Amino acid sequence: MKRLYARLVLWLIGPALEDIERRMVERVEREAVMRADGDMALRSRFDSIYWRITTDRDQGAIGPSFVQARKRSDA
């Protein structure tokens, strides 16, 4: 009798449980996509900053000569 009652309850609440599961899966997937987008944006920002720093360094804009040129222009 307990088995029959358990099956009846599961049959009655089964669709609601499936709906909850579907919503939770959608939420987790949405959060994962948002996190991945944020990580990619952060990586892109880091790459652009790194590229600017290395480009400036290679062109001699960063380093002792840059500081000396800055002091000369301020004087």
C-alpha atoms as a PDB file:
ATOM      1  CA  MET A   1       0.000   0.000   0.000  1.00  0.00           C
ATOM      2  CA  LYS A   2       2.876   2.352   0.807  1.00  0.00           C
ATOM      3  CA  ARG A   3       4.324   1.774  -2.648  1.00  0.00           C
ATOM      4  CA  LEU A   4       1.024   2.566  -4.289  1.00  0.00           C
ATOM      5  CA  TYR A   5       0.717   5.766  -2.234  1.00  0.00           C
ATOM      6  CA  ALA A   6       4.304   6.776  -3.092  1.00  0.00           C
ATOM      7  CA  ARG A   7       3.674   6.190  -6.804  1.00  0.00           C
ATOM      8  CA  LEU A   8       0.457   8.220  -6.630  1.00  0.00           C
ATOM      9  CA  VAL A   9       2.230  11.129  -4.919  1.00  0.00           C
ATOM     10  CA  LEU A  10       5.082  10.976  -7.425  1.00  0.00           C
ATOM     11  CA  TRP A  11       2.587  10.889 -10.291  1.00  0.00           C
ATOM     12  CA  LEU A  12       0.807  13.945  -8.875  1.00  0.00           C
ATOM     13  CA  ILE A  13       3.888  16.051  -8.149  1.00  0.00           C
ATOM     14  CA  GLY A  14       6.074  14.684 -10.963  1.00  0.00           C
ATOM     15  CA  PRO A  15       5.302  17.498 -13.435  1.00  0.00           C
ATOM     16  CA  ALA A  16       6.022  20.119 -10.772  1.00  0.00           C
ATOM     17  CA  LEU A  17       9.348  18.455  -9.951  1.00  0.00           C
ATOM     18  CA  GLU A  18      10.271  18.355 -13.637  1.00  0.00           C
ATOM     19  CA  ASP A  19       9.401  22.038 -13.957  1.00  0.00           C
ATOM     20  CA  ILE A  20      11.575  22.902 -10.962  1.00  0.00           C
ATOM     21  CA  GLU A  21      14.432  20.848 -12.389  1.00  0.00           C
ATOM     22  CA  ARG A  22      14.092  22.561 -15.777  1.00  0.00           C
ATOM     23  CA  ARG A  23      14.134  26.005 -14.150  1.00  0.00           C
ATOM     24  CA  MET A  24      17.189  25.169 -12.065  1.00  0.00           C
ATOM     25  CA  VAL A  25      19.064  23.849 -15.099  1.00  0.00           C
ATOM     26  CA  GLU A  26      18.209  27.012 -17.043  1.00  0.00           C
ATOM     27  CA  ARG A  27      19.372  29.171 -14.141  1.00  0.00           C
ATOM     28  CA  VAL A  28      22.672  27.312 -13.790  1.00  0.00           C
ATOM     29  CA  GLU A  29      23.268  27.496 -17.547  1.00  0.00           C
ATOM     30  CA  ARG A  30      22.462  31.222 -17.598  1.00  0.00           C
ATOM     31  CA  GLU A  31      24.841  31.889 -14.683  1.00  0.00           C
ATOM     32  CA  ALA A  32      27.569  29.855 -16.382  1.00  0.00           C
ATOM     33  CA  VAL A  33      27.173  31.870 -19.580  1.00  0.00           C
ATOM     34  CA  MET A  34      27.283  35.145 -17.637  1.00  0.00           C
ATOM     35  CA  ARG A  35      30.411  34.007 -15.794  1.00  0.00           C
ATOM     36  CA  ALA A  36      32.076  32.964 -19.048  1.00  0.00           C
ATOM     37  CA  ASP A  37      31.167  36.304 -20.643  1.00  0.00           C
ATOM     38  CA  GLY A  38      32.620  38.131 -17.657  1.00  0.00           C
ATOM     39  CA  ASP A  39      35.796  36.053 -17.806  1.00  0.00           C
ATOM     40  CA  MET A  40      36.178  36.727 -21.527  1.00  0.00           C
ATOM     41  CA  ALA A  41      35.634  40.456 -21.025  1.00  0.00           C
ATOM     42  CA  LEU A  42      38.200  40.500 -18.234  1.00  0.00           C
ATOM     43  CA  ARG A  43      40.685  38.575 -20.387  1.00  0.00           C
ATOM     44  CA  SER A  44      40.108  40.977 -23.273  1.00  0.00           C
ATOM     45  CA  ARG A  45      40.709  43.948 -20.994  1.00  0.00           C
ATOM     46  CA  PHE A  46      43.851  42.379 -19.600  1.00  0.00           C
ATOM     47  CA  ASP A  47      45.138  41.643 -23.108  1.00  0.00           C
ATOM     48  CA  SER A  48      44.527  45.208 -24.284  1.00  0.00           C
ATOM     49  CA  ILE A  49      46.257  46.685 -21.226  1.00  0.00           C
ATOM     50  CA  TYR A  50      49.163  44.257 -21.581  1.00  0.00           C
ATOM     51  CA  TRP A  51      49.447  45.066 -25.289  1.00  0.00           C
ATOM     52  CA  ARG A  52      49.535  48.815 -24.559  1.00  0.00           C
ATOM     53  CA  ILE A  53      52.192  48.390 -21.881  1.00  0.00           C
ATOM     54  CA  THR A  54      54.424  46.183 -24.013  1.00  0.00           C
ATOM     55  CA  THR A  55      53.976  48.433 -27.050  1.00  0.00           C
ATOM     56  CA  ASP A  56      54.877  51.524 -25.033  1.00  0.00           C
ATOM     57  CA  ARG A  57      57.856  49.718 -23.523  1.00  0.00           C
ATOM     58  CA  ASP A  58      59.088  48.563 -26.925  1.00  0.00           C
ATOM     59  CA  GLN A  59      58.803  52.099 -28.261  1.00  0.00           C
ATOM     60  CA  GLY A  60      60.771  53.452 -25.304  1.00  0.00           C
ATOM     61  CA  ALA A  61      57.833  55.296 -23.792  1.00  0.00           C
ATOM     62  CA  ILE A  62      58.161  53.476 -20.480  1.00  0.00           C
ATOM     63  CA  GLY A  63      61.399  53.354 -18.533  1.00  0.00           C
ATOM     64  CA  PRO A  64      64.068  55.809 -17.398  1.00  0.00           C
ATOM     65  CA  SER A  65      64.085  57.697 -20.701  1.00  0.00           C
ATOM     66  CA  PHE A  66      60.344  58.252 -20.408  1.00  0.00           C
ATOM     67  CA  VAL A  67      60.711  59.614 -16.869  1.00  0.00           C
ATOM     68  CA  GLN A  68      63.561  61.931 -17.926  1.00  0.00           C
ATOM     69  CA  ALA A  69      61.616  63.208 -20.922  1.00  0.00           C
ATOM     70  CA  ARG A  70      58.664  63.853 -18.645  1.00  0.00           C
ATOM     71  CA  LYS A  71      60.828  65.860 -16.228  1.00  0.00           C
ATOM     72  CA  ARG A  72      62.257  67.907 -19.101  1.00  0.00           C
ATOM     73  CA  SER A  73      58.807  68.730 -20.440  1.00  0.00           C
ATOM     74  CA  ASP A  74      57.589  69.773 -16.976  1.00  0.00           C
ATOM     75  CA  ALA A  75      60.503  72.182 -16.452  1.00  0.00           C
END
